[in-house]
Amino acid sequence: MIQVKSKWLASVVATVLGFAAVVAQAEAEMKPFILGSTSGGAVADKVADVKKSLQDNGFEIAGDYSPYDTAHIIVVTNGALKKAAASHERAGYVAVQRVSITKVGDQVQVAYTNPPYMAAAYQVEDSLAGVASSLKSALGAIKEYGPEDGLTADDLNGYHYTFGMEYFDEPYELASYGSHKEAVAAVEKGLAAGSGGTAKIYRIDIPGTKQTIFGVGLTAGESGNKYMDDNFIMTEIDFKETRSTAHLPYEVLVNGGDIEALHARFRIAMNFPDLSMMGSNSFMNIMPSPDAIEEALTKAAGGKTGGW
């Protein structure tokens, strides 16, 4: 009898501890980026080694982007990310993780997006802990960083910056076509033409769905609108000692025949949740950027701009 009670008690304790572990994980604060390593040298010297390490740890290189001279971004995917991207009809955003190599003074910082943070922000149930472990094996993990205080998964599931600013489920509606094939073709055409100052960085078709995610670089050029330009925006908001370069590039999601992109007031805020509203290096300095980004991406999607 004593043995039965002991087994019953052990089972109850195990259940309670397991539930506590789940609750603790849900309540743990996370930050959007992870610093993998720092070293000397040049950005270009690190790219090949970083790619090889990523590939050795099961990642596929989806694309590369150098938004400015001091930075290089490598976009990766794998089977686990694609599976998570198929978990709901707008989960395509989580199909990739972004790795940045950034020169800051004499230091080269290798960093990457935090998979559990991104999963929660995109309302994906899988925490992507396995993806996080693989990135750690490939690139190291010195610390999570971004805001001074992190956000919990519950915070991120329903995140918005403040009253009146958009949520995950309030994206830009860029254009709509009769089929997924037509919509994808329109984005391919627009990006190939550089419409709106855009450039194609990657494309991933999500298996088993009618979702296709595109990575899009934004460059104003000499005669364009600087407020949509990746370099300009990052100069204003990415000013801390440890850079958040892996915020880039932006995404466009083709979902069936509809083409959307996360609203900039959500997309920027989720990666820079402690950015001040006013003052130096604040949202005020890029106030026209959400509209400028929407216009550029709408042109890339072949949609109508100018309120028509």
C-alpha atoms as a PDB file:
ATOM      1  CA  MET A   1       0.000   0.000   0.000  1.00  0.00           C
ATOM      2  CA  ILE A   2       2.781   2.371   0.843  1.00  0.00           C
ATOM      3  CA  GLN A   3       4.423   1.599  -2.494  1.00  0.00           C
ATOM      4  CA  VAL A   4       1.201   2.408  -4.366  1.00  0.00           C
ATOM      5  CA  LYS A   5       0.884   5.720  -2.555  1.00  0.00           C
ATOM      6  CA  SER A   6       4.509   6.458  -3.324  1.00  0.00           C
ATOM      7  CA  LYS A   7       4.012   5.784  -7.027  1.00  0.00           C
ATOM      8  CA  TRP A   8       0.812   7.867  -7.046  1.00  0.00           C
ATOM      9  CA  LEU A   9       2.579  10.728  -5.283  1.00  0.00           C
ATOM     10  CA  ALA A  10       5.522  10.538  -7.676  1.00  0.00           C
ATOM     11  CA  SER A  11       3.111  10.691 -10.613  1.00  0.00           C
ATOM     12  CA  VAL A  12       1.332  13.731  -9.179  1.00  0.00           C
ATOM     13  CA  VAL A  13       4.634  15.482  -8.480  1.00  0.00           C
ATOM     14  CA  ALA A  14       5.865  14.757 -12.008  1.00  0.00           C
ATOM     15  CA  THR A  15       2.633  16.130 -13.483  1.00  0.00           C
ATOM     16  CA  VAL A  16       2.813  19.277 -11.385  1.00  0.00           C
ATOM     17  CA  LEU A  17       6.455  19.836 -12.231  1.00  0.00           C
ATOM     18  CA  GLY A  18       5.772  19.276 -15.912  1.00  0.00           C
ATOM     19  CA  PHE A  19       2.926  21.787 -15.847  1.00  0.00           C
ATOM     20  CA  ALA A  20       5.122  24.254 -13.980  1.00  0.00           C
ATOM     21  CA  ALA A  21       7.829  23.861 -16.592  1.00  0.00           C
ATOM     22  CA  VAL A  22       5.345  24.602 -19.384  1.00  0.00           C
ATOM     23  CA  VAL A  23       4.037  27.669 -17.532  1.00  0.00           C
ATOM     24  CA  ALA A  24       7.572  28.881 -16.816  1.00  0.00           C
ATOM     25  CA  GLN A  25       8.486  28.502 -20.478  1.00  0.00           C
ATOM     26  CA  ALA A  26       5.372  30.421 -21.525  1.00  0.00           C
ATOM     27  CA  GLU A  27       6.184  33.198 -19.063  1.00  0.00           C
ATOM     28  CA  ALA A  28       9.891  33.405 -19.874  1.00  0.00           C
ATOM     29  CA  GLU A  29      10.907  36.691 -21.411  1.00  0.00           C
ATOM     30  CA  MET A  30      12.498  36.541 -24.846  1.00  0.00           C
ATOM     31  CA  LYS A  31      14.302  39.055 -27.021  1.00  0.00           C
ATOM     32  CA  PRO A  32      14.212  39.221 -30.834  1.00  0.00           C
ATOM     33  CA  PHE A  33      17.886  38.598 -31.608  1.00  0.00           C
ATOM     34  CA  ILE A  34      20.750  36.385 -30.467  1.00  0.00           C
ATOM     35  CA  LEU A  35      24.391  37.410 -30.634  1.00  0.00           C
ATOM     36  CA  GLY A  36      26.334  34.363 -31.748  1.00  0.00           C
ATOM     37  CA  SER A  37      29.922  35.617 -31.776  1.00  0.00           C
ATOM     38  CA  THR A  38      32.187  38.633 -32.116  1.00  0.00           C
ATOM     39  CA  SER A  39      35.614  38.870 -33.713  1.00  0.00           C
ATOM     40  CA  GLY A  40      37.915  41.121 -35.666  1.00  0.00           C
ATOM     41  CA  GLY A  41      38.383  41.184 -39.415  1.00  0.00           C
ATOM     42  CA  ALA A  42      36.047  42.132 -42.248  1.00  0.00           C
ATOM     43  CA  VAL A  43      32.450  41.203 -42.985  1.00  0.00           C
ATOM     44  CA  ALA A  44      33.378  39.588 -46.306  1.00  0.00           C
ATOM     45  CA  ASP A  45      35.872  37.296 -44.572  1.00  0.00           C
ATOM     46  CA  LYS A  46      33.111  35.755 -42.427  1.00  0.00           C
ATOM     47  CA  VAL A  47      30.430  35.036 -45.010  1.00  0.00           C
ATOM     48  CA  ALA A  48      31.726  31.757 -46.410  1.00  0.00           C
ATOM     49  CA  ASP A  49      32.478  30.260 -42.973  1.00  0.00           C
ATOM     50  CA  VAL A  50      29.083  31.268 -41.603  1.00  0.00           C
ATOM     51  CA  LYS A  51      27.310  29.726 -44.597  1.00  0.00           C
ATOM     52  CA  LYS A  52      29.256  26.493 -44.287  1.00  0.00           C
ATOM     53  CA  SER A  53      28.492  26.208 -40.586  1.00  0.00           C
ATOM     54  CA  LEU A  54      24.799  26.818 -41.248  1.00  0.00           C
ATOM     55  CA  GLN A  55      24.722  24.183 -43.976  1.00  0.00           C
ATOM     56  CA  ASP A  56      26.641  21.719 -41.802  1.00  0.00           C
ATOM     57  CA  ASN A  57      23.871  22.119 -39.211  1.00  0.00           C
ATOM     58  CA  GLY A  58      21.041  21.366 -41.600  1.00  0.00           C
ATOM     59  CA  PHE A  59      20.108  24.772 -42.964  1.00  0.00           C
ATOM     60  CA  GLU A  60      19.446  25.681 -46.581  1.00  0.00           C
ATOM     61  CA  ILE A  61      20.651  29.083 -47.777  1.00  0.00           C
ATOM     62  CA  ALA A  62      17.592  30.837 -49.203  1.00  0.00           C
ATOM     63  CA  GLY A  63      19.238  34.139 -50.077  1.00  0.00           C
ATOM     64  CA  ASP A  64      21.807  36.855 -49.329  1.00  0.00           C
ATOM     65  CA  TYR A  65      21.441  40.589 -48.837  1.00  0.00           C
ATOM     66  CA  SER A  66      23.929  43.397 -48.245  1.00  0.00           C
ATOM     67  CA  PRO A  67      21.819  46.445 -47.379  1.00  0.00           C
ATOM     68  CA  TYR A  68      24.927  48.569 -46.746  1.00  0.00           C
ATOM     69  CA  ASP A  69      28.696  48.200 -46.832  1.00  0.00           C
ATOM     70  CA  THR A  70      29.048  47.194 -43.188  1.00  0.00           C
ATOM     71  CA  ALA A  71      26.472  44.398 -43.228  1.00  0.00           C
ATOM     72  CA  HIS A  72      25.649  41.089 -44.877  1.00  0.00           C
ATOM     73  CA  ILE A  73      22.497  39.081 -44.199  1.00  0.00           C
ATOM     74  CA  ILE A  74      22.083  35.366 -44.890  1.00  0.00           C
ATOM     75  CA  VAL A  75      18.529  34.019 -44.969  1.00  0.00           C
ATOM     76  CA  VAL A  76      18.082  30.356 -44.054  1.00  0.00           C
ATOM     77  CA  THR A  77      15.326  27.776 -43.906  1.00  0.00           C
ATOM     78  CA  ASN A  78      14.968  24.056 -43.140  1.00  0.00           C
ATOM     79  CA  GLY A  79      12.321  21.364 -42.860  1.00  0.00           C
ATOM     80  CA  ALA A  80      11.211  22.368 -39.368  1.00  0.00           C
ATOM     81  CA  LEU A  81      10.736  25.997 -40.386  1.00  0.00           C
ATOM     82  CA  LYS A  82       8.760  25.042 -43.486  1.00  0.00           C
ATOM     83  CA  LYS A  83       6.563  22.712 -41.424  1.00  0.00           C
ATOM     84  CA  ALA A  84       5.869  25.508 -38.932  1.00  0.00           C
ATOM     85  CA  ALA A  85       5.145  27.859 -41.849  1.00  0.00           C
ATOM     86  CA  ALA A  86       2.404  25.481 -42.987  1.00  0.00           C
ATOM     87  CA  SER A  87       0.744  25.378 -39.551  1.00  0.00           C
ATOM     88  CA  HIS A  88      -1.752  28.153 -40.291  1.00  0.00           C
ATOM     89  CA  GLU A  89      -2.731  30.177 -43.338  1.00  0.00           C
ATOM     90  CA  ARG A  90      -0.524  33.193 -42.530  1.00  0.00           C
ATOM     91  CA  ALA A  91       2.396  31.389 -40.895  1.00  0.00           C
ATOM     92  CA  GLY A  92       4.592  31.670 -43.987  1.00  0.00           C
ATOM     93  CA  TYR A  93       6.577  34.459 -42.342  1.00  0.00           C
ATOM     94  CA  VAL A  94       8.258  31.943 -40.034  1.00  0.00           C
ATOM     95  CA  ALA A  95       9.681  29.890 -42.930  1.00  0.00           C
ATOM     96  CA  VAL A  96      13.002  31.708 -42.605  1.00  0.00           C
ATOM     97  CA  GLN A  97      15.439  32.881 -39.992  1.00  0.00           C
ATOM     98  CA  ARG A  98      17.878  35.689 -40.734  1.00  0.00           C
ATOM     99  CA  VAL A  99      21.586  35.698 -39.895  1.00  0.00           C
ATOM    100  CA  SER A 100      23.512  38.972 -39.880  1.00  0.00           C
ATOM    101  CA  ILE A 101      27.212  39.739 -40.113  1.00  0.00           C
ATOM    102  CA  THR A 102      27.789  43.360 -39.126  1.00  0.00           C
ATOM    103  CA  LYS A 103      30.901  45.492 -38.752  1.00  0.00           C
ATOM    104  CA  VAL A 104      30.668  47.798 -35.734  1.00  0.00           C
ATOM    105  CA  GLY A 105      33.889  49.704 -35.137  1.00  0.00           C
ATOM    106  CA  ASP A 106      36.672  47.104 -35.041  1.00  0.00           C
ATOM    107  CA  GLN A 107      34.245  44.294 -34.225  1.00  0.00           C
ATOM    108  CA  VAL A 108      32.364  41.920 -36.495  1.00  0.00           C
ATOM    109  CA  GLN A 109      29.118  40.709 -34.919  1.00  0.00           C
ATOM    110  CA  VAL A 110      27.454  37.494 -36.075  1.00  0.00           C
ATOM    111  CA  ALA A 111      23.843  37.426 -34.910  1.00  0.00           C
ATOM    112  CA  TYR A 112      20.483  35.939 -35.837  1.00  0.00           C
ATOM    113  CA  THR A 113      16.770  36.120 -35.222  1.00  0.00           C
ATOM    114  CA  ASN A 114      15.519  34.252 -32.149  1.00  0.00           C
ATOM    115  CA  PRO A 115      13.265  31.416 -33.437  1.00  0.00           C
ATOM    116  CA  PRO A 116      10.961  31.111 -30.366  1.00  0.00           C
ATOM    117  CA  TYR A 117      10.452  34.885 -30.359  1.00  0.00           C
ATOM    118  CA  MET A 118       9.545  34.915 -34.046  1.00  0.00           C
ATOM    119  CA  ALA A 119       7.290  31.870 -33.679  1.00  0.00           C
ATOM    120  CA  ALA A 120       5.318  33.570 -30.918  1.00  0.00           C
ATOM    121  CA  ALA A 121       5.076  36.855 -32.815  1.00  0.00           C
ATOM    122  CA  TYR A 122       3.734  35.015 -35.878  1.00  0.00           C
ATOM    123  CA  GLN A 123       1.295  33.005 -33.716  1.00  0.00           C
ATOM    124  CA  VAL A 124       2.903  29.632 -34.462  1.00  0.00           C
ATOM    125  CA  GLU A 125       2.377  26.970 -31.766  1.00  0.00           C
ATOM    126  CA  ASP A 126       5.724  25.226 -32.352  1.00  0.00           C
ATOM    127  CA  SER A 127       8.310  27.111 -30.280  1.00  0.00           C
ATOM    128  CA  LEU A 128      11.031  26.149 -32.803  1.00  0.00           C
ATOM    129  CA  ALA A 129      13.328  25.173 -29.944  1.00  0.00           C
ATOM    130  CA  GLY A 130      15.025  22.656 -32.238  1.00  0.00           C
ATOM    131  CA  VAL A 131      15.771  25.359 -34.789  1.00  0.00           C
ATOM    132  CA  ALA A 132      17.179  27.534 -32.020  1.00  0.00           C
ATOM    133  CA  SER A 133      19.426  24.675 -30.914  1.00  0.00           C
ATOM    134  CA  SER A 134      20.705  24.158 -34.463  1.00  0.00           C
ATOM    135  CA  LEU A 135      21.464  27.859 -34.868  1.00  0.00           C
ATOM    136  CA  LYS A 136      23.299  27.828 -31.560  1.00  0.00           C
ATOM    137  CA  SER A 137      25.394  24.870 -32.730  1.00  0.00           C
ATOM    138  CA  ALA A 138      26.154  26.634 -35.994  1.00  0.00           C
ATOM    139  CA  LEU A 139      26.827  30.154 -34.750  1.00  0.00           C
ATOM    140  CA  GLY A 140      27.099  30.188 -30.963  1.00  0.00           C
ATOM    141  CA  ALA A 141      24.863  32.034 -28.509  1.00  0.00           C
ATOM    142  CA  ILE A 142      26.434  34.711 -26.310  1.00  0.00           C
ATOM    143  CA  LYS A 143      23.189  36.450 -25.375  1.00  0.00           C
ATOM    144  CA  GLU A 144      19.690  37.411 -26.443  1.00  0.00           C
ATOM    145  CA  TYR A 145      19.396  41.112 -27.130  1.00  0.00           C
ATOM    146  CA  GLY A 146      17.257  43.939 -28.440  1.00  0.00           C
ATOM    147  CA  PRO A 147      15.077  45.656 -25.847  1.00  0.00           C
ATOM    148  CA  GLU A 148      16.198  46.007 -22.241  1.00  0.00           C
ATOM    149  CA  ASP A 149      13.217  43.925 -21.127  1.00  0.00           C
ATOM    150  CA  GLY A 150      12.038  40.940 -23.129  1.00  0.00           C
ATOM    151  CA  LEU A 151       8.521  39.814 -24.005  1.00  0.00           C
ATOM    152  CA  THR A 152       6.767  36.562 -23.125  1.00  0.00           C
ATOM    153  CA  ALA A 153       5.167  34.271 -25.674  1.00  0.00           C
ATOM    154  CA  ASP A 154       1.760  35.499 -24.492  1.00  0.00           C
ATOM    155  CA  ASP A 155       2.863  39.107 -24.997  1.00  0.00           C
ATOM    156  CA  LEU A 156       4.022  38.320 -28.511  1.00  0.00           C
ATOM    157  CA  ASN A 157       0.941  36.289 -29.500  1.00  0.00           C
ATOM    158  CA  GLY A 158      -1.138  39.448 -29.300  1.00  0.00           C
ATOM    159  CA  TYR A 159       1.594  42.036 -29.739  1.00  0.00           C
ATOM    160  CA  HIS A 160       1.189  45.603 -30.840  1.00  0.00           C
ATOM    161  CA  TYR A 161       3.328  48.593 -29.900  1.00  0.00           C
ATOM    162  CA  THR A 162       0.641  50.817 -28.458  1.00  0.00           C
ATOM    163  CA  PHE A 163      -2.963  51.923 -28.830  1.00  0.00           C
ATOM    164  CA  GLY A 164      -3.884  52.530 -32.462  1.00  0.00           C
ATOM    165  CA  MET A 165      -0.950  50.591 -33.920  1.00  0.00           C
ATOM    166  CA  GLU A 166      -1.399  47.418 -35.915  1.00  0.00           C
ATOM    167  CA  TYR A 167      -1.370  43.767 -34.836  1.00  0.00           C
ATOM    168  CA  PHE A 168      -0.057  40.724 -36.691  1.00  0.00           C
ATOM    169  CA  ASP A 169      -3.467  40.158 -38.254  1.00  0.00           C
ATOM    170  CA  GLU A 170      -3.676  43.691 -39.684  1.00  0.00           C
ATOM    171  CA  PRO A 171      -1.269  43.491 -42.640  1.00  0.00           C
ATOM    172  CA  TYR A 172      -0.964  45.616 -45.745  1.00  0.00           C
ATOM    173  CA  GLU A 173      -3.274  44.207 -48.424  1.00  0.00           C
ATOM    174  CA  LEU A 174      -1.098  44.798 -51.472  1.00  0.00           C
ATOM    175  CA  ALA A 175      -2.977  43.156 -54.339  1.00  0.00           C
ATOM    176  CA  SER A 176      -5.286  40.281 -55.210  1.00  0.00           C
ATOM    177  CA  TYR A 177      -5.392  37.932 -58.217  1.00  0.00           C
ATOM    178  CA  GLY A 178      -7.520  35.077 -59.481  1.00  0.00           C
ATOM    179  CA  SER A 179      -5.092  32.368 -58.399  1.00  0.00           C
ATOM    180  CA  HIS A 180      -1.953  31.699 -56.398  1.00  0.00           C
ATOM    181  CA  LYS A 181      -0.023  31.156 -59.618  1.00  0.00           C
ATOM    182  CA  GLU A 182      -1.037  34.566 -60.971  1.00  0.00           C
ATOM    183  CA  ALA A 183      -0.203  36.295 -57.693  1.00  0.00           C
ATOM    184  CA  VAL A 184       3.254  34.707 -57.481  1.00  0.00           C
ATOM    185  CA  ALA A 185       3.932  35.614 -61.105  1.00  0.00           C
ATOM    186  CA  ALA A 186       2.963  39.237 -60.415  1.00  0.00           C
ATOM    187  CA  VAL A 187       5.406  39.494 -57.506  1.00  0.00           C
ATOM    188  CA  GLU A 188       8.170  37.854 -59.530  1.00  0.00           C
ATOM    189  CA  LYS A 189       7.553  40.330 -62.336  1.00  0.00           C
ATOM    190  CA  GLY A 190       7.494  43.338 -60.037  1.00  0.00           C
ATOM    191  CA  LEU A 191      10.650  42.380 -58.178  1.00  0.00           C
ATOM    192  CA  ALA A 192      12.506  41.560 -61.397  1.00  0.00           C
ATOM    193  CA  ALA A 193      11.649  45.047 -62.650  1.00  0.00           C
ATOM    194  CA  GLY A 194      12.680  46.671 -59.366  1.00  0.00           C
ATOM    195  CA  SER A 195       9.227  48.214 -59.048  1.00  0.00           C
ATOM    196  CA  GLY A 196       9.028  50.728 -56.222  1.00  0.00           C
ATOM    197  CA  GLY A 197      12.723  50.358 -55.464  1.00  0.00           C
ATOM    198  CA  THR A 198      12.400  46.677 -54.543  1.00  0.00           C
ATOM    199  CA  ALA A 199      14.722  43.718 -55.119  1.00  0.00           C
ATOM    200  CA  LYS A 200      14.150  39.971 -54.700  1.00  0.00           C
ATOM    201  CA  ILE A 201      16.285  38.414 -51.962  1.00  0.00           C
ATOM    202  CA  TYR A 202      14.637  34.991 -51.735  1.00  0.00           C
ATOM    203  CA  ARG A 203      11.497  33.010 -52.501  1.00  0.00           C
ATOM    204  CA  ILE A 204      10.211  30.005 -50.572  1.00  0.00           C
ATOM    205  CA  ASP A 205       7.124  28.005 -51.534  1.00  0.00           C
ATOM    206  CA  ILE A 206       5.612  26.475 -48.402  1.00  0.00           C
ATOM    207  CA  PRO A 207       4.985  22.731 -48.993  1.00  0.00           C
ATOM    208  CA  GLY A 208       1.367  21.611 -48.776  1.00  0.00           C
ATOM    209  CA  THR A 209      -0.028  25.160 -48.881  1.00  0.00           C
ATOM    210  CA  LYS A 210      -0.759  28.016 -51.245  1.00  0.00           C
ATOM    211  CA  GLN A 211       1.682  30.242 -49.403  1.00  0.00           C
ATOM    212  CA  THR A 212       4.827  31.698 -50.965  1.00  0.00           C
ATOM    213  CA  ILE A 213       7.087  34.030 -49.004  1.00  0.00           C
ATOM    214  CA  PHE A 214       9.388  36.521 -50.695  1.00  0.00           C
ATOM    215  CA  GLY A 215      12.238  38.466 -49.100  1.00  0.00           C
ATOM    216  CA  VAL A 216      12.387  42.019 -50.424  1.00  0.00           C
ATOM    217  CA  GLY A 217      15.187  44.563 -50.280  1.00  0.00           C
ATOM    218  CA  LEU A 218      14.133  48.232 -50.317  1.00  0.00           C
ATOM    219  CA  THR A 219      16.372  50.876 -51.867  1.00  0.00           C
ATOM    220  CA  ALA A 220      15.288  54.430 -52.663  1.00  0.00           C
ATOM    221  CA  GLY A 221      18.130  55.380 -54.974  1.00  0.00           C
ATOM    222  CA  GLU A 222      18.906  59.007 -55.709  1.00  0.00           C
ATOM    223  CA  SER A 223      15.405  60.002 -56.782  1.00  0.00           C
ATOM    224  CA  GLY A 224      13.242  57.740 -54.601  1.00  0.00           C
ATOM    225  CA  ASN A 225      11.531  58.142 -51.246  1.00  0.00           C
ATOM    226  CA  LYS A 226      14.183  57.753 -48.565  1.00  0.00           C
ATOM    227  CA  TYR A 227      11.597  56.715 -45.991  1.00  0.00           C
ATOM    228  CA  MET A 228      11.208  53.276 -47.592  1.00  0.00           C
ATOM    229  CA  ASP A 229      14.957  52.724 -47.842  1.00  0.00           C
ATOM    230  CA  ASP A 230      16.420  49.950 -45.660  1.00  0.00           C
ATOM    231  CA  ASN A 231      19.660  51.838 -45.094  1.00  0.00           C
ATOM    232  CA  PHE A 232      17.907  55.049 -44.057  1.00  0.00           C
ATOM    233  CA  ILE A 233      15.501  53.288 -41.689  1.00  0.00           C
ATOM    234  CA  MET A 234      18.228  51.251 -40.012  1.00  0.00           C
ATOM    235  CA  THR A 235      20.418  54.340 -39.592  1.00  0.00           C
ATOM    236  CA  GLU A 236      17.585  55.866 -37.578  1.00  0.00           C
ATOM    237  CA  ILE A 237      16.521  52.897 -35.439  1.00  0.00           C
ATOM    238  CA  ASP A 238      19.456  50.453 -35.203  1.00  0.00           C
ATOM    239  CA  PHE A 239      21.810  52.527 -33.083  1.00  0.00           C
ATOM    240  CA  LYS A 240      22.721  50.323 -30.109  1.00  0.00           C
ATOM    241  CA  GLU A 241      26.176  48.824 -29.626  1.00  0.00           C
ATOM    242  CA  THR A 242      24.945  45.372 -30.644  1.00  0.00           C
ATOM    243  CA  ARG A 243      23.258  45.807 -33.995  1.00  0.00           C
ATOM    244  CA  SER A 244      19.889  44.341 -34.991  1.00  0.00           C
ATOM    245  CA  THR A 245      20.747  44.019 -38.681  1.00  0.00           C
ATOM    246  CA  ALA A 246      18.818  40.734 -38.913  1.00  0.00           C
ATOM    247  CA  HIS A 247      15.629  42.811 -38.858  1.00  0.00           C
ATOM    248  CA  LEU A 248      16.087  42.907 -42.655  1.00  0.00           C
ATOM    249  CA  PRO A 249      14.902  42.083 -45.262  1.00  0.00           C
ATOM    250  CA  TYR A 250      11.165  42.747 -45.388  1.00  0.00           C
ATOM    251  CA  GLU A 251       8.716  40.021 -46.466  1.00  0.00           C
ATOM    252  CA  VAL A 252       5.838  39.773 -48.913  1.00  0.00           C
ATOM    253  CA  LEU A 253       3.466  36.834 -48.445  1.00  0.00           C
ATOM    254  CA  VAL A 254       1.406  35.395 -51.287  1.00  0.00           C
ATOM    255  CA  ASN A 255      -1.490  33.512 -49.733  1.00  0.00           C
ATOM    256  CA  GLY A 256      -3.686  31.947 -52.374  1.00  0.00           C
ATOM    257  CA  GLY A 257      -4.449  34.798 -54.757  1.00  0.00           C
ATOM    258  CA  ASP A 258      -3.920  37.493 -52.127  1.00  0.00           C
ATOM    259  CA  ILE A 259      -0.658  39.357 -51.568  1.00  0.00           C
ATOM    260  CA  GLU A 260       0.125  40.930 -48.207  1.00  0.00           C
ATOM    261  CA  ALA A 261       2.956  42.206 -46.049  1.00  0.00           C
ATOM    262  CA  LEU A 262       3.169  42.828 -42.334  1.00  0.00           C
ATOM    263  CA  HIS A 263       2.336  46.421 -41.487  1.00  0.00           C
ATOM    264  CA  ALA A 264       5.538  48.352 -40.774  1.00  0.00           C
ATOM    265  CA  ARG A 265       4.110  49.609 -37.483  1.00  0.00           C
ATOM    266  CA  PHE A 266       3.961  45.949 -36.432  1.00  0.00           C
ATOM    267  CA  ARG A 267       6.999  44.601 -38.307  1.00  0.00           C
ATOM    268  CA  ILE A 268       9.390  47.280 -37.022  1.00  0.00           C
ATOM    269  CA  ALA A 269       7.940  47.408 -33.518  1.00  0.00           C
ATOM    270  CA  MET A 270       8.132  43.643 -32.930  1.00  0.00           C
ATOM    271  CA  ASN A 271      11.890  43.752 -33.539  1.00  0.00           C
ATOM    272  CA  PHE A 272      12.412  47.104 -31.788  1.00  0.00           C
ATOM    273  CA  PRO A 273       9.749  47.056 -29.043  1.00  0.00           C
ATOM    274  CA  ASP A 274      11.618  49.556 -26.847  1.00  0.00           C
ATOM    275  CA  LEU A 275      12.107  52.143 -29.587  1.00  0.00           C
ATOM    276  CA  SER A 276      10.873  55.454 -28.214  1.00  0.00           C
ATOM    277  CA  MET A 277       7.953  57.242 -29.802  1.00  0.00           C
ATOM    278  CA  MET A 278       9.673  60.617 -29.894  1.00  0.00           C
ATOM    279  CA  GLY A 279      13.180  62.084 -29.680  1.00  0.00           C
ATOM    280  CA  SER A 280      16.466  60.978 -31.195  1.00  0.00           C
ATOM    281  CA  ASN A 281      16.430  57.541 -32.867  1.00  0.00           C
ATOM    282  CA  SER A 282      12.674  57.205 -32.506  1.00  0.00           C
ATOM    283  CA  PHE A 283       9.569  56.275 -34.469  1.00  0.00           C
ATOM    284  CA  MET A 284       9.023  59.997 -35.017  1.00  0.00           C
ATOM    285  CA  ASN A 285      12.108  60.074 -37.259  1.00  0.00           C
ATOM    286  CA  ILE A 286      10.619  57.453 -39.572  1.00  0.00           C
ATOM    287  CA  MET A 287       6.977  58.494 -39.325  1.00  0.00           C
ATOM    288  CA  PRO A 288       6.469  58.481 -43.133  1.00  0.00           C
ATOM    289  CA  SER A 289       8.088  55.028 -43.473  1.00  0.00           C
ATOM    290  CA  PRO A 290       4.993  52.817 -43.030  1.00  0.00           C
ATOM    291  CA  ASP A 291       3.222  54.528 -45.924  1.00  0.00           C
ATOM    292  CA  ALA A 292       6.398  54.608 -48.025  1.00  0.00           C
ATOM    293  CA  ILE A 293       7.015  50.887 -47.464  1.00  0.00           C
ATOM    294  CA  GLU A 294       3.418  50.040 -48.277  1.00  0.00           C
ATOM    295  CA  GLU A 295       3.642  51.977 -51.545  1.00  0.00           C
ATOM    296  CA  ALA A 296       6.893  50.280 -52.573  1.00  0.00           C
ATOM    297  CA  LEU A 297       5.600  46.786 -51.808  1.00  0.00           C
ATOM    298  CA  THR A 298       2.269  47.487 -53.495  1.00  0.00           C
ATOM    299  CA  LYS A 299       4.115  48.457 -56.674  1.00  0.00           C
ATOM    300  CA  ALA A 300       6.149  45.246 -56.449  1.00  0.00           C
ATOM    301  CA  ALA A 301       2.907  43.265 -56.145  1.00  0.00           C
ATOM    302  CA  GLY A 302       1.339  45.020 -59.126  1.00  0.00           C
ATOM    303  CA  GLY A 303      -1.300  46.595 -56.925  1.00  0.00           C
ATOM    304  CA  LYS A 304      -2.902  50.018 -57.066  1.00  0.00           C
ATOM    305  CA  THR A 305      -1.288  52.935 -55.244  1.00  0.00           C
ATOM    306  CA  GLY A 306      -2.272  56.523 -54.589  1.00  0.00           C
ATOM    307  CA  GLY A 307      -5.654  55.730 -53.094  1.00  0.00           C
ATOM    308  CA  TRP A 308      -7.248  54.537 -56.335  1.00  0.00           C
END
